[in-house]
């Protein structure tokens, strides 16, 4: 008997803003010191939300977005901030409880 498998596509499971929030939070926790993990996660979210619309909202071509979020992509911080804003997200900073002053 042969087992048939399919590739997992996280973007297919990001249906709501809450799904996206929870997915990105989990990726941020899991990433550690690996920024490419976060870039990949943003690419997954971008595909879930509609890359064509994101291109229009950011002023970056679809091809440019796919290149930025490719495995070997290296987007600038300006690109990341444009994408985050266009996705309806915001970057914030907080002090972990264990480091409170």
PDB file of N, CA and C in Angstrom:
ATOM      1  N   UNK A   1       0.836  -1.182   0.000  1.00  0.00           N
ATOM      2  CA  UNK A   1       0.000   0.000   0.000  1.00  0.00           C
ATOM      3  C   UNK A   1       0.883   1.248   0.000  1.00  0.00           C
ATOM      4  N   UNK A   2       0.592   2.161  -0.878  1.00  0.00           N
ATOM      5  CA  UNK A   2       1.344   3.400  -1.000  1.00  0.00           C
ATOM      6  C   UNK A   2       0.634   4.502  -0.221  1.00  0.00           C
ATOM      7  N   UNK A   3       1.417   5.257   0.500  1.00  0.00           N
ATOM      8  CA  UNK A   3       0.871   6.400   1.237  1.00  0.00           C
ATOM      9  C   UNK A   3       1.016   7.630   0.355  1.00  0.00           C
ATOM     10  N   UNK A   4      -0.079   8.342   0.173  1.00  0.00           N
ATOM     11  CA  UNK A   4      -0.066   9.556  -0.627  1.00  0.00           C
ATOM     12  C   UNK A   4      -0.011  10.759   0.316  1.00  0.00           C
ATOM     13  N   UNK A   5       0.921  11.642   0.068  1.00  0.00           N
ATOM     14  CA  UNK A   5       1.051  12.837   0.901  1.00  0.00           C
ATOM     15  C   UNK A   5       0.939  14.082   0.038  1.00  0.00           C
ATOM     16  N   UNK A   6       0.652  15.192   0.666  1.00  0.00           N
ATOM     17  CA  UNK A   6       0.623  16.481  -0.020  1.00  0.00           C
ATOM     18  C   UNK A   6       1.453  17.470   0.793  1.00  0.00           C
ATOM     19  N   UNK A   7       1.950  18.483   0.125  1.00  0.00           N
ATOM     20  CA  UNK A   7       2.723  19.508   0.810  1.00  0.00           C
ATOM     21  C   UNK A   7       1.797  20.346   1.691  1.00  0.00           C
ATOM     22  N   UNK A   8       2.286  20.704   2.852  1.00  0.00           N
ATOM     23  CA  UNK A   8       1.546  21.555   3.780  1.00  0.00           C
ATOM     24  C   UNK A   8       1.712  23.002   3.329  1.00  0.00           C
ATOM     25  N   UNK A   9       0.615  23.718   3.240  1.00  0.00           N
ATOM     26  CA  UNK A   9       0.651  25.125   2.867  1.00  0.00           C
ATOM     27  C   UNK A   9      -0.028  25.914   3.981  1.00  0.00           C
ATOM     28  N   UNK A  10       0.776  26.535   4.819  1.00  0.00           N
ATOM     29  CA  UNK A  10       0.244  27.279   5.966  1.00  0.00           C
ATOM     30  C   UNK A  10      -0.706  28.382   5.543  1.00  0.00           C
ATOM     31  N   UNK A  11      -0.449  28.990   4.392  1.00  0.00           N
ATOM     32  CA  UNK A  11      -1.283  30.105   3.933  1.00  0.00           C
ATOM     33  C   UNK A  11      -2.745  29.699   3.783  1.00  0.00           C
ATOM     34  N   UNK A  12      -2.998  28.449   3.436  1.00  0.00           N
ATOM     35  CA  UNK A  12      -4.371  27.965   3.268  1.00  0.00           C
ATOM     36  C   UNK A  12      -5.146  27.937   4.579  1.00  0.00           C
ATOM     37  N   UNK A  13      -4.455  27.993   5.694  1.00  0.00           N
ATOM     38  CA  UNK A  13      -5.098  27.875   7.003  1.00  0.00           C
ATOM     39  C   UNK A  13      -5.201  29.206   7.738  1.00  0.00           C
ATOM     40  N   UNK A  14      -4.761  30.272   7.092  1.00  0.00           N
ATOM     41  CA  UNK A  14      -4.833  31.605   7.697  1.00  0.00           C
ATOM     42  C   UNK A  14      -6.049  32.316   7.125  1.00  0.00           C
ATOM     43  N   UNK A  15      -7.186  32.070   7.719  1.00  0.00           N
ATOM     44  CA  UNK A  15      -8.463  32.575   7.194  1.00  0.00           C
ATOM     45  C   UNK A  15      -8.909  33.890   7.828  1.00  0.00           C
ATOM     46  N   UNK A  16      -8.529  34.117   9.076  1.00  0.00           N
ATOM     47  CA  UNK A  16      -8.991  35.315   9.786  1.00  0.00           C
ATOM     48  C   UNK A  16      -7.793  36.114  10.298  1.00  0.00           C
ATOM     49  N   UNK A  17      -8.065  37.346  10.688  1.00  0.00           N
ATOM     50  CA  UNK A  17      -7.006  38.171  11.281  1.00  0.00           C
ATOM     51  C   UNK A  17      -6.471  37.529  12.557  1.00  0.00           C
ATOM     52  N   UNK A  18      -7.349  36.869  13.310  1.00  0.00           N
ATOM     53  CA  UNK A  18      -6.912  36.194  14.541  1.00  0.00           C
ATOM     54  C   UNK A  18      -5.976  35.027  14.207  1.00  0.00           C
ATOM     55  N   UNK A  19      -6.285  34.279  13.139  1.00  0.00           N
ATOM     56  CA  UNK A  19      -5.398  33.202  12.685  1.00  0.00           C
ATOM     57  C   UNK A  19      -4.013  33.759  12.376  1.00  0.00           C
ATOM     58  N   UNK A  20      -3.998  34.873  11.669  1.00  0.00           N
ATOM     59  CA  UNK A  20      -2.735  35.499  11.261  1.00  0.00           C
ATOM     60  C   UNK A  20      -1.962  35.960  12.480  1.00  0.00           C
ATOM     61  N   UNK A  21      -2.642  36.596  13.419  1.00  0.00           N
ATOM     62  CA  UNK A  21      -1.994  37.071  14.646  1.00  0.00           C
ATOM     63  C   UNK A  21      -1.360  35.911  15.406  1.00  0.00           C
ATOM     64  N   UNK A  22      -2.128  34.854  15.599  1.00  0.00           N
ATOM     65  CA  UNK A  22      -1.611  33.706  16.343  1.00  0.00           C
ATOM     66  C   UNK A  22      -0.457  33.025  15.613  1.00  0.00           C
ATOM     67  N   UNK A  23      -0.556  32.921  14.302  1.00  0.00           N
ATOM     68  CA  UNK A  23       0.512  32.321  13.498  1.00  0.00           C
ATOM     69  C   UNK A  23       1.794  33.148  13.623  1.00  0.00           C
ATOM     70  N   UNK A  24       1.682  34.460  13.469  1.00  0.00           N
ATOM     71  CA  UNK A  24       2.872  35.305  13.542  1.00  0.00           C
ATOM     72  C   UNK A  24       3.465  35.296  14.946  1.00  0.00           C
ATOM     73  N   UNK A  25       2.644  35.321  15.969  1.00  0.00           N
ATOM     74  CA  UNK A  25       3.151  35.241  17.343  1.00  0.00           C
ATOM     75  C   UNK A  25       3.919  33.939  17.559  1.00  0.00           C
ATOM     76  N   UNK A  26       3.366  32.822  17.064  1.00  0.00           N
ATOM     77  CA  UNK A  26       4.051  31.534  17.205  1.00  0.00           C
ATOM     78  C   UNK A  26       5.377  31.542  16.451  1.00  0.00           C
ATOM     79  N   UNK A  27       5.387  32.125  15.269  1.00  0.00           N
ATOM     80  CA  UNK A  27       6.629  32.197  14.485  1.00  0.00           C
ATOM     81  C   UNK A  27       7.674  33.067  15.168  1.00  0.00           C
ATOM     82  N   UNK A  28       7.240  34.170  15.753  1.00  0.00           N
ATOM     83  CA  UNK A  28       8.179  35.040  16.468  1.00  0.00           C
ATOM     84  C   UNK A  28       8.801  34.305  17.653  1.00  0.00           C
ATOM     85  N   UNK A  29       8.009  33.523  18.360  1.00  0.00           N
ATOM     86  CA  UNK A  29       8.529  32.741  19.485  1.00  0.00           C
ATOM     87  C   UNK A  29       9.491  31.663  19.009  1.00  0.00           C
ATOM     88  N   UNK A  30       9.145  31.011  17.922  1.00  0.00           N
ATOM     89  CA  UNK A  30       9.937  29.895  17.412  1.00  0.00           C
ATOM     90  C   UNK A  30      11.228  30.335  16.722  1.00  0.00           C
ATOM     91  N   UNK A  31      11.236  31.535  16.158  1.00  0.00           N
ATOM     92  CA  UNK A  31      12.346  31.988  15.320  1.00  0.00           C
ATOM     93  C   UNK A  31      13.666  32.128  16.060  1.00  0.00           C
ATOM     94  N   UNK A  32      13.603  32.493  17.317  1.00  0.00           N
ATOM     95  CA  UNK A  32      14.852  32.728  18.038  1.00  0.00           C
ATOM     96  C   UNK A  32      15.642  33.847  17.376  1.00  0.00           C
ATOM     97  N   UNK A  33      16.869  33.568  16.988  1.00  0.00           N
ATOM     98  CA  UNK A  33      17.728  34.570  16.345  1.00  0.00           C
ATOM     99  C   UNK A  33      17.759  34.429  14.826  1.00  0.00           C
ATOM    100  N   UNK A  34      16.744  33.804  14.249  1.00  0.00           N
ATOM    101  CA  UNK A  34      16.721  33.548  12.809  1.00  0.00           C
ATOM    102  C   UNK A  34      15.737  34.481  12.095  1.00  0.00           C
ATOM    103  N   UNK A  35      16.222  35.618  11.574  1.00  0.00           N
ATOM    104  CA  UNK A  35      15.305  36.552  10.914  1.00  0.00           C
ATOM    105  C   UNK A  35      14.662  35.967   9.659  1.00  0.00           C
ATOM    106  N   UNK A  36      15.302  35.008   9.015  1.00  0.00           N
ATOM    107  CA  UNK A  36      14.716  34.424   7.810  1.00  0.00           C
ATOM    108  C   UNK A  36      13.417  33.683   8.131  1.00  0.00           C
ATOM    109  N   UNK A  37      13.289  33.190   9.353  1.00  0.00           N
ATOM    110  CA  UNK A  37      12.056  32.514   9.783  1.00  0.00           C
ATOM    111  C   UNK A  37      10.893  33.509   9.790  1.00  0.00           C
ATOM    112  N   UNK A  38      11.159  34.715  10.270  1.00  0.00           N
ATOM    113  CA  UNK A  38      10.124  35.759  10.314  1.00  0.00           C
ATOM    114  C   UNK A  38       9.797  36.232   8.906  1.00  0.00           C
ATOM    115  N   UNK A  39      10.814  36.387   8.075  1.00  0.00           N
ATOM    116  CA  UNK A  39      10.588  36.794   6.684  1.00  0.00           C
ATOM    117  C   UNK A  39       9.719  35.754   5.978  1.00  0.00           C
ATOM    118  N   UNK A  40      10.017  34.481   6.205  1.00  0.00           N
ATOM    119  CA  UNK A  40       9.196  33.417   5.625  1.00  0.00           C
ATOM    120  C   UNK A  40       7.758  33.521   6.127  1.00  0.00           C
ATOM    121  N   UNK A  41       7.575  33.735   7.419  1.00  0.00           N
ATOM    122  CA  UNK A  41       6.235  33.842   7.994  1.00  0.00           C
ATOM    123  C   UNK A  41       5.463  35.007   7.365  1.00  0.00           C
ATOM    124  N   UNK A  42       6.109  36.139   7.162  1.00  0.00           N
ATOM    125  CA  UNK A  42       5.447  37.275   6.522  1.00  0.00           C
ATOM    126  C   UNK A  42       5.071  36.938   5.082  1.00  0.00           C
ATOM    127  N   UNK A  43       5.919  36.167   4.406  1.00  0.00           N
ATOM    128  CA  UNK A  43       5.600  35.726   3.049  1.00  0.00           C
ATOM    129  C   UNK A  43       4.385  34.816   3.019  1.00  0.00           C
ATOM    130  N   UNK A  44       4.277  33.937   3.996  1.00  0.00           N
ATOM    131  CA  UNK A  44       3.106  33.056   4.103  1.00  0.00           C
ATOM    132  C   UNK A  44       1.849  33.898   4.318  1.00  0.00           C
ATOM    133  N   UNK A  45       1.932  34.861   5.204  1.00  0.00           N
ATOM    134  CA  UNK A  45       0.785  35.735   5.477  1.00  0.00           C
ATOM    135  C   UNK A  45       0.432  36.536   4.226  1.00  0.00           C
ATOM    136  N   UNK A  46       1.448  37.027   3.516  1.00  0.00           N
ATOM    137  CA  UNK A  46       1.211  37.793   2.288  1.00  0.00           C
ATOM    138  C   UNK A  46       0.459  36.942   1.265  1.00  0.00           C
ATOM    139  N   UNK A  47       0.852  35.676   1.111  1.00  0.00           N
ATOM    140  CA  UNK A  47       0.156  34.791   0.174  1.00  0.00           C
ATOM    141  C   UNK A  47      -1.277  34.536   0.633  1.00  0.00           C
ATOM    142  N   UNK A  48      -1.477  34.415   1.929  1.00  0.00           N
ATOM    143  CA  UNK A  48      -2.824  34.180   2.460  1.00  0.00           C
ATOM    144  C   UNK A  48      -3.734  35.378   2.225  1.00  0.00           C
ATOM    145  N   UNK A  49      -3.183  36.572   2.293  1.00  0.00           N
ATOM    146  CA  UNK A  49      -3.982  37.795   2.175  1.00  0.00           C
ATOM    147  C   UNK A  49      -4.195  38.240   0.729  1.00  0.00           C
ATOM    148  N   UNK A  50      -3.413  37.789  -0.218  1.00  0.00           N
ATOM    149  CA  UNK A  50      -3.505  38.120  -1.635  1.00  0.00           C
ATOM    150  C   UNK A  50      -2.307  38.980  -2.042  1.00  0.00           C
ATOM    151  N   UNK A  51      -1.368  38.346  -2.677  1.00  0.00           N
ATOM    152  CA  UNK A  51      -0.121  39.001  -3.062  1.00  0.00           C
ATOM    153  C   UNK A  51      -0.356  40.150  -4.046  1.00  0.00           C
ATOM    154  N   UNK A  52      -1.329  40.014  -4.950  1.00  0.00           N
ATOM    155  CA  UNK A  52      -1.603  41.082  -5.916  1.00  0.00           C
ATOM    156  C   UNK A  52      -2.088  42.343  -5.210  1.00  0.00           C
ATOM    157  N   UNK A  53      -2.995  42.169  -4.259  1.00  0.00           N
ATOM    158  CA  UNK A  53      -3.482  43.329  -3.510  1.00  0.00           C
ATOM    159  C   UNK A  53      -2.361  43.934  -2.675  1.00  0.00           C
ATOM    160  N   UNK A  54      -1.541  43.102  -2.093  1.00  0.00           N
ATOM    161  CA  UNK A  54      -0.416  43.586  -1.299  1.00  0.00           C
ATOM    162  C   UNK A  54       0.537  44.402  -2.172  1.00  0.00           C
ATOM    163  N   UNK A  55       0.761  43.960  -3.398  1.00  0.00           N
ATOM    164  CA  UNK A  55       1.617  44.703  -4.320  1.00  0.00           C
ATOM    165  C   UNK A  55       1.037  46.098  -4.563  1.00  0.00           C
ATOM    166  N   UNK A  56      -0.262  46.161  -4.793  1.00  0.00           N
ATOM    167  CA  UNK A  56      -0.897  47.476  -5.007  1.00  0.00           C
ATOM    168  C   UNK A  56      -0.784  48.352  -3.761  1.00  0.00           C
ATOM    169  N   UNK A  57      -1.008  47.754  -2.595  1.00  0.00           N
ATOM    170  CA  UNK A  57      -0.999  48.521  -1.342  1.00  0.00           C
ATOM    171  C   UNK A  57       0.394  49.014  -0.951  1.00  0.00           C
ATOM    172  N   UNK A  58       1.424  48.265  -1.331  1.00  0.00           N
ATOM    173  CA  UNK A  58       2.784  48.642  -0.940  1.00  0.00           C
ATOM    174  C   UNK A  58       3.529  49.416  -2.013  1.00  0.00           C
ATOM    175  N   UNK A  59       3.066  49.325  -3.260  1.00  0.00           N
ATOM    176  CA  UNK A  59       3.794  49.946  -4.359  1.00  0.00           C
ATOM    177  C   UNK A  59       4.999  49.111  -4.792  1.00  0.00           C
ATOM    178  N   UNK A  60       5.056  47.876  -4.347  1.00  0.00           N
ATOM    179  CA  UNK A  60       6.129  46.946  -4.708  1.00  0.00           C
ATOM    180  C   UNK A  60       5.515  45.926  -5.669  1.00  0.00           C
ATOM    181  N   UNK A  61       6.207  45.587  -6.728  1.00  0.00           N
ATOM    182  CA  UNK A  61       5.658  44.637  -7.686  1.00  0.00           C
ATOM    183  C   UNK A  61       5.454  43.263  -7.039  1.00  0.00           C
ATOM    184  N   UNK A  62       4.534  42.492  -7.602  1.00  0.00           N
ATOM    185  CA  UNK A  62       4.333  41.122  -7.122  1.00  0.00           C
ATOM    186  C   UNK A  62       5.635  40.341  -7.210  1.00  0.00           C
ATOM    187  N   UNK A  63       6.327  40.503  -8.324  1.00  0.00           N
ATOM    188  CA  UNK A  63       7.592  39.804  -8.503  1.00  0.00           C
ATOM    189  C   UNK A  63       8.593  40.213  -7.432  1.00  0.00           C
ATOM    190  N   UNK A  64       8.621  41.505  -7.114  1.00  0.00           N
ATOM    191  CA  UNK A  64       9.512  42.003  -6.073  1.00  0.00           C
ATOM    192  C   UNK A  64       9.175  41.427  -4.708  1.00  0.00           C
ATOM    193  N   UNK A  65       7.875  41.288  -4.440  1.00  0.00           N
ATOM    194  CA  UNK A  65       7.450  40.699  -3.170  1.00  0.00           C
ATOM    195  C   UNK A  65       7.819  39.221  -3.100  1.00  0.00           C
ATOM    196  N   UNK A  66       7.556  38.488  -4.185  1.00  0.00           N
ATOM    197  CA  UNK A  66       7.921  37.070  -4.189  1.00  0.00           C
ATOM    198  C   UNK A  66       9.429  36.902  -4.019  1.00  0.00           C
ATOM    199  N   UNK A  67      10.204  37.778  -4.657  1.00  0.00           N
ATOM    200  CA  UNK A  67      11.664  37.714  -4.534  1.00  0.00           C
ATOM    201  C   UNK A  67      12.079  38.022  -3.091  1.00  0.00           C
ATOM    202  N   UNK A  68      11.475  39.040  -2.488  1.00  0.00           N
ATOM    203  CA  UNK A  68      11.824  39.422  -1.116  1.00  0.00           C
ATOM    204  C   UNK A  68      11.531  38.295  -0.132  1.00  0.00           C
ATOM    205  N   UNK A  69      10.444  37.552  -0.369  1.00  0.00           N
ATOM    206  CA  UNK A  69      10.040  36.509   0.563  1.00  0.00           C
ATOM    207  C   UNK A  69      10.483  35.113   0.151  1.00  0.00           C
ATOM    208  N   UNK A  70      11.304  35.023  -0.894  1.00  0.00           N
ATOM    209  CA  UNK A  70      11.850  33.727  -1.308  1.00  0.00           C
ATOM    210  C   UNK A  70      12.839  33.235  -0.242  1.00  0.00           C
ATOM    211  N   UNK A  71      13.155  31.954  -0.302  1.00  0.00           N
ATOM    212  CA  UNK A  71      14.073  31.362   0.684  1.00  0.00           C
ATOM    213  C   UNK A  71      15.397  32.103   0.737  1.00  0.00           C
ATOM    214  N   UNK A  72      15.858  32.587  -0.397  1.00  0.00           N
ATOM    215  CA  UNK A  72      17.130  33.320  -0.426  1.00  0.00           C
ATOM    216  C   UNK A  72      16.917  34.836  -0.479  1.00  0.00           C
ATOM    217  N   UNK A  73      15.689  35.274  -0.225  1.00  0.00           N
ATOM    218  CA  UNK A  73      15.385  36.704  -0.244  1.00  0.00           C
ATOM    219  C   UNK A  73      16.012  37.426   0.936  1.00  0.00           C
ATOM    220  N   UNK A  74      16.228  38.694   0.756  1.00  0.00           N
ATOM    221  CA  UNK A  74      16.822  39.511   1.810  1.00  0.00           C
ATOM    222  C   UNK A  74      16.183  40.902   1.756  1.00  0.00           C
ATOM    223  N   UNK A  75      14.912  40.999   2.150  1.00  0.00           N
ATOM    224  CA  UNK A  75      14.212  42.278   2.038  1.00  0.00           C
ATOM    225  C   UNK A  75      14.793  43.334   2.974  1.00  0.00           C
ATOM    226  N   UNK A  76      14.690  44.579   2.543  1.00  0.00           N
ATOM    227  CA  UNK A  76      15.128  45.677   3.398  1.00  0.00           C
ATOM    228  C   UNK A  76      14.109  45.876   4.516  1.00  0.00           C
ATOM    229  N   UNK A  77      14.523  46.586   5.539  1.00  0.00           N
ATOM    230  CA  UNK A  77      13.595  46.880   6.627  1.00  0.00           C
ATOM    231  C   UNK A  77      12.452  47.745   6.110  1.00  0.00           C
ATOM    232  N   UNK A  78      12.738  48.618   5.144  1.00  0.00           N
ATOM    233  CA  UNK A  78      11.686  49.450   4.550  1.00  0.00           C
ATOM    234  C   UNK A  78      10.625  48.571   3.885  1.00  0.00           C
ATOM    235  N   UNK A  79      11.046  47.532   3.196  1.00  0.00           N
ATOM    236  CA  UNK A  79      10.095  46.604   2.575  1.00  0.00           C
ATOM    237  C   UNK A  79       9.266  45.903   3.642  1.00  0.00           C
ATOM    238  N   UNK A  80       9.929  45.443   4.685  1.00  0.00           N
ATOM    239  CA  UNK A  80       9.215  44.755   5.776  1.00  0.00           C
ATOM    240  C   UNK A  80       8.168  45.673   6.395  1.00  0.00           C
ATOM    241  N   UNK A  81       8.530  46.917   6.677  1.00  0.00           N
ATOM    242  CA  UNK A  81       7.578  47.829   7.317  1.00  0.00           C
ATOM    243  C   UNK A  81       6.409  48.153   6.387  1.00  0.00           C
ATOM    244  N   UNK A  82       6.665  48.308   5.086  1.00  0.00           N
ATOM    245  CA  UNK A  82       5.572  48.539   4.135  1.00  0.00           C
ATOM    246  C   UNK A  82       4.615  47.348   4.108  1.00  0.00           C
ATOM    247  N   UNK A  83       5.171  46.161   4.078  1.00  0.00           N
ATOM    248  CA  UNK A  83       4.360  44.946   4.019  1.00  0.00           C
ATOM    249  C   UNK A  83       3.559  44.781   5.302  1.00  0.00           C
ATOM    250  N   UNK A  84       4.203  44.955   6.438  1.00  0.00           N
ATOM    251  CA  UNK A  84       3.514  44.815   7.724  1.00  0.00           C
ATOM    252  C   UNK A  84       2.337  45.780   7.797  1.00  0.00           C
ATOM    253  N   UNK A  85       2.566  47.017   7.412  1.00  0.00           N
ATOM    254  CA  UNK A  85       1.500  48.023   7.448  1.00  0.00           C
ATOM    255  C   UNK A  85       0.371  47.653   6.480  1.00  0.00           C
ATOM    256  N   UNK A  86       0.728  47.256   5.265  1.00  0.00           N
ATOM    257  CA  UNK A  86      -0.281  46.896   4.267  1.00  0.00           C
ATOM    258  C   UNK A  86      -1.089  45.662   4.679  1.00  0.00           C
ATOM    259  N   UNK A  87      -0.483  44.793   5.468  1.00  0.00           N
ATOM    260  CA  UNK A  87      -1.187  43.606   5.962  1.00  0.00           C
ATOM    261  C   UNK A  87      -2.114  43.932   7.136  1.00  0.00           C
ATOM    262  N   UNK A  88      -2.071  45.182   7.596  1.00  0.00           N
ATOM    263  CA  UNK A  88      -2.907  45.570   8.723  1.00  0.00           C
ATOM    264  C   UNK A  88      -2.314  45.181  10.053  1.00  0.00           C
ATOM    265  N   UNK A  89      -1.010  44.977  10.064  1.00  0.00           N
ATOM    266  CA  UNK A  89      -0.301  44.615  11.290  1.00  0.00           C
ATOM    267  C   UNK A  89       0.531  45.799  11.751  1.00  0.00           C
ATOM    268  N   UNK A  90       1.067  45.723  12.951  1.00  0.00           N
ATOM    269  CA  UNK A  90       2.007  46.741  13.422  1.00  0.00           C
ATOM    270  C   UNK A  90       3.110  46.075  14.222  1.00  0.00           C
ATOM    271  N   UNK A  91       4.282  46.658  14.119  1.00  0.00           N
ATOM    272  CA  UNK A  91       5.421  46.181  14.892  1.00  0.00           C
ATOM    273  C   UNK A  91       5.428  46.926  16.214  1.00  0.00           C
ATOM    274  N   UNK A  92       5.592  46.203  17.298  1.00  0.00           N
ATOM    275  CA  UNK A  92       5.679  46.819  18.619  1.00  0.00           C
ATOM    276  C   UNK A  92       6.848  46.200  19.373  1.00  0.00           C
ATOM    277  N   UNK A  93       7.250  46.887  20.424  1.00  0.00           N
ATOM    278  CA  UNK A  93       8.319  46.408  21.277  1.00  0.00           C
ATOM    279  C   UNK A  93       7.818  46.395  22.699  1.00  0.00           C
ATOM    280  N   UNK A  94       8.156  45.354  23.431  1.00  0.00           N
ATOM    281  CA  UNK A  94       7.821  45.327  24.844  1.00  0.00           C
ATOM    282  C   UNK A  94       8.936  44.670  25.609  1.00  0.00           C
ATOM    283  N   UNK A  95       9.027  44.985  26.856  1.00  0.00           N
ATOM    284  CA  UNK A  95      10.043  44.407  27.726  1.00  0.00           C
ATOM    285  C   UNK A  95       9.461  43.128  28.320  1.00  0.00           C
ATOM    286  N   UNK A  96      10.171  42.005  28.164  1.00  0.00           N
ATOM    287  CA  UNK A  96       9.676  40.768  28.774  1.00  0.00           C
ATOM    288  C   UNK A  96       9.580  40.921  30.287  1.00  0.00           C
ATOM    289  N   UNK A  97       8.639  40.250  30.894  1.00  0.00           N
ATOM    290  CA  UNK A  97       8.420  40.354  32.337  1.00  0.00           C
ATOM    291  C   UNK A  97       9.666  40.024  33.131  1.00  0.00           C
ATOM    292  N   UNK A  98      10.449  39.075  32.673  1.00  0.00           N
ATOM    293  CA  UNK A  98      11.649  38.698  33.415  1.00  0.00           C
ATOM    294  C   UNK A  98      12.728  39.770  33.395  1.00  0.00           C
ATOM    295  N   UNK A  99      12.610  40.748  32.461  1.00  0.00           N
ATOM    296  CA  UNK A  99      13.593  41.823  32.372  1.00  0.00           C
ATOM    297  C   UNK A  99      13.057  43.157  32.871  1.00  0.00           C
ATOM    298  N   UNK A 100      11.924  43.147  33.545  1.00  0.00           N
ATOM    299  CA  UNK A 100      11.328  44.394  34.026  1.00  0.00           C
ATOM    300  C   UNK A 100      12.279  45.067  35.014  1.00  0.00           C
ATOM    301  N   UNK A 101      12.287  46.372  34.972  1.00  0.00           N
ATOM    302  CA  UNK A 101      13.194  47.144  35.836  1.00  0.00           C
ATOM    303  C   UNK A 101      12.624  47.327  37.199  1.00  0.00           C
TER     304      UNK A 101
END
